[in-house]
Amino acid sequence: MVPVRQDPERRLPILSAYLGHVHVADTQWYLNASPELMRESMRRLERHWENRS
């Protein structure tokens, strides 16, 4: 699980790859557009990586 205090921008490349974006800049708007959407995206990414083990 990602610590709450972790800077989301540090994990942006992972989210970008998960969403299938070619450029990290295509994902950047998630941080500004909707904090709730970003949290949900991170939860989904965490579940995805947890299920791979």
N, C-alpha and C. Protein backbone atom coordinates (compact mmCIF):
# COMPACT_ATOMS: atom_id res chain seq x y z
N MET A 1 0.84 -1.17 0.00
CA MET A 1 0.00 0.00 0.00
C MET A 1 0.89 1.24 0.00
N VAL A 2 0.50 2.25 -0.76
CA VAL A 2 1.27 3.49 -0.85
C VAL A 2 1.00 4.35 0.38
N PRO A 3 2.05 4.80 1.06
CA PRO A 3 1.83 5.69 2.21
C PRO A 3 1.10 6.95 1.79
N VAL A 4 0.22 7.44 2.66
CA VAL A 4 -0.59 8.61 2.36
C VAL A 4 0.29 9.83 2.12
N ARG A 5 1.40 9.93 2.79
CA ARG A 5 2.25 11.12 2.68
C ARG A 5 3.15 11.12 1.45
N GLN A 6 3.17 10.04 0.70
CA GLN A 6 4.04 9.98 -0.46
C GLN A 6 3.57 10.94 -1.54
N ASP A 7 4.50 11.59 -2.20
CA ASP A 7 4.21 12.54 -3.27
C ASP A 7 3.70 11.78 -4.49
N PRO A 8 2.46 12.02 -4.92
CA PRO A 8 1.91 11.31 -6.08
C PRO A 8 2.71 11.53 -7.36
N GLU A 9 3.35 12.68 -7.48
CA GLU A 9 4.11 12.95 -8.70
C GLU A 9 5.29 12.00 -8.86
N ARG A 10 5.80 11.48 -7.76
CA ARG A 10 6.91 10.52 -7.84
C ARG A 10 6.43 9.20 -8.43
N ARG A 11 5.15 8.89 -8.28
CA ARG A 11 4.59 7.64 -8.79
C ARG A 11 3.87 7.83 -10.12
N LEU A 12 3.90 9.04 -10.63
CA LEU A 12 3.20 9.35 -11.87
C LEU A 12 3.65 8.48 -13.05
N PRO A 13 4.94 8.19 -13.22
CA PRO A 13 5.31 7.30 -14.34
C PRO A 13 4.66 5.92 -14.26
N ILE A 14 4.47 5.41 -13.05
CA ILE A 14 3.82 4.10 -12.89
C ILE A 14 2.35 4.21 -13.30
N LEU A 15 1.69 5.25 -12.82
CA LEU A 15 0.29 5.46 -13.19
C LEU A 15 0.16 5.66 -14.69
N SER A 16 1.06 6.40 -15.27
CA SER A 16 1.03 6.65 -16.71
C SER A 16 1.12 5.35 -17.50
N ALA A 17 2.06 4.49 -17.09
CA ALA A 17 2.21 3.19 -17.76
C ALA A 17 0.96 2.33 -17.57
N TYR A 18 0.42 2.33 -16.37
CA TYR A 18 -0.79 1.55 -16.07
C TYR A 18 -1.96 1.99 -16.94
N LEU A 19 -2.07 3.29 -17.15
CA LEU A 19 -3.17 3.82 -17.96
C LEU A 19 -2.90 3.70 -19.46
N GLY A 20 -1.69 3.31 -19.81
CA GLY A 20 -1.35 3.14 -21.22
C GLY A 20 -0.99 4.43 -21.93
N HIS A 21 -0.64 5.45 -21.17
CA HIS A 21 -0.26 6.72 -21.78
C HIS A 21 1.18 6.64 -22.26
N VAL A 22 1.42 7.21 -23.45
CA VAL A 22 2.76 7.21 -24.02
C VAL A 22 3.66 8.21 -23.30
N HIS A 23 3.10 9.35 -22.92
CA HIS A 23 3.86 10.40 -22.27
C HIS A 23 3.30 10.67 -20.88
N VAL A 24 4.18 10.86 -19.92
CA VAL A 24 3.75 11.16 -18.55
C VAL A 24 2.90 12.43 -18.53
N ALA A 25 3.20 13.37 -19.40
CA ALA A 25 2.43 14.62 -19.45
C ALA A 25 0.94 14.36 -19.74
N ASP A 26 0.65 13.26 -20.43
CA ASP A 26 -0.75 12.92 -20.71
C ASP A 26 -1.49 12.51 -19.44
N THR A 27 -0.76 12.12 -18.43
CA THR A 27 -1.34 11.69 -17.16
C THR A 27 -1.34 12.82 -16.13
N GLN A 28 -0.51 13.81 -16.33
CA GLN A 28 -0.32 14.90 -15.37
C GLN A 28 -1.65 15.56 -14.97
N TRP A 29 -2.58 15.68 -15.88
CA TRP A 29 -3.83 16.38 -15.57
C TRP A 29 -4.62 15.70 -14.47
N TYR A 30 -4.39 14.40 -14.24
CA TYR A 30 -5.09 13.71 -13.17
C TYR A 30 -4.80 14.35 -11.81
N LEU A 31 -3.59 14.84 -11.64
CA LEU A 31 -3.23 15.46 -10.36
C LEU A 31 -3.97 16.77 -10.14
N ASN A 32 -4.27 17.47 -11.20
CA ASN A 32 -4.94 18.76 -11.09
C ASN A 32 -6.45 18.67 -11.23
N ALA A 33 -6.91 17.73 -12.02
CA ALA A 33 -8.33 17.67 -12.36
C ALA A 33 -9.19 17.16 -11.20
N SER A 34 -8.76 16.11 -10.54
CA SER A 34 -9.61 15.51 -9.53
C SER A 34 -8.79 14.68 -8.54
N PRO A 35 -8.62 15.19 -7.34
CA PRO A 35 -7.89 14.39 -6.34
C PRO A 35 -8.57 13.05 -6.07
N GLU A 36 -9.89 13.02 -6.13
CA GLU A 36 -10.60 11.76 -5.90
C GLU A 36 -10.29 10.75 -6.99
N LEU A 37 -10.23 11.22 -8.23
CA LEU A 37 -9.91 10.33 -9.34
C LEU A 37 -8.48 9.81 -9.22
N MET A 38 -7.58 10.66 -8.80
CA MET A 38 -6.20 10.24 -8.62
C MET A 38 -6.10 9.18 -7.53
N ARG A 39 -6.80 9.38 -6.43
CA ARG A 39 -6.77 8.38 -5.35
C ARG A 39 -7.32 7.04 -5.85
N GLU A 40 -8.41 7.09 -6.58
CA GLU A 40 -8.99 5.85 -7.12
C GLU A 40 -8.03 5.18 -8.10
N SER A 41 -7.38 5.96 -8.92
CA SER A 41 -6.41 5.39 -9.86
C SER A 41 -5.27 4.71 -9.12
N MET A 42 -4.80 5.35 -8.07
CA MET A 42 -3.72 4.74 -7.28
C MET A 42 -4.19 3.47 -6.59
N ARG A 43 -5.42 3.46 -6.09
CA ARG A 43 -5.95 2.24 -5.45
C ARG A 43 -6.01 1.10 -6.46
N ARG A 44 -6.46 1.41 -7.66
CA ARG A 44 -6.53 0.37 -8.69
C ARG A 44 -5.14 -0.13 -9.07
N LEU A 45 -4.20 0.78 -9.17
CA LEU A 45 -2.84 0.38 -9.50
C LEU A 45 -2.26 -0.50 -8.41
N GLU A 46 -2.49 -0.13 -7.15
CA GLU A 46 -2.00 -0.95 -6.04
C GLU A 46 -2.61 -2.34 -6.08
N ARG A 47 -3.91 -2.44 -6.32
CA ARG A 47 -4.56 -3.76 -6.40
C ARG A 47 -3.97 -4.57 -7.53
N HIS A 48 -3.73 -3.92 -8.66
CA HIS A 48 -3.15 -4.61 -9.82
C HIS A 48 -1.79 -5.21 -9.46
N TRP A 49 -0.92 -4.42 -8.84
CA TRP A 49 0.41 -4.91 -8.49
C TRP A 49 0.36 -5.94 -7.38
N GLU A 50 -0.56 -5.82 -6.44
CA GLU A 50 -0.70 -6.82 -5.37
C GLU A 50 -1.13 -8.16 -5.93
N ASN A 51 -2.00 -8.14 -6.93
CA ASN A 51 -2.52 -9.38 -7.51
C ASN A 51 -1.51 -10.08 -8.41
N ARG A 52 -0.42 -9.40 -8.76
CA ARG A 52 0.60 -10.01 -9.63
C ARG A 52 1.51 -10.94 -8.85
N SER A 53 1.55 -10.82 -7.52
CA SER A 53 2.48 -11.65 -6.75
C SER A 53 1.93 -13.02 -6.50
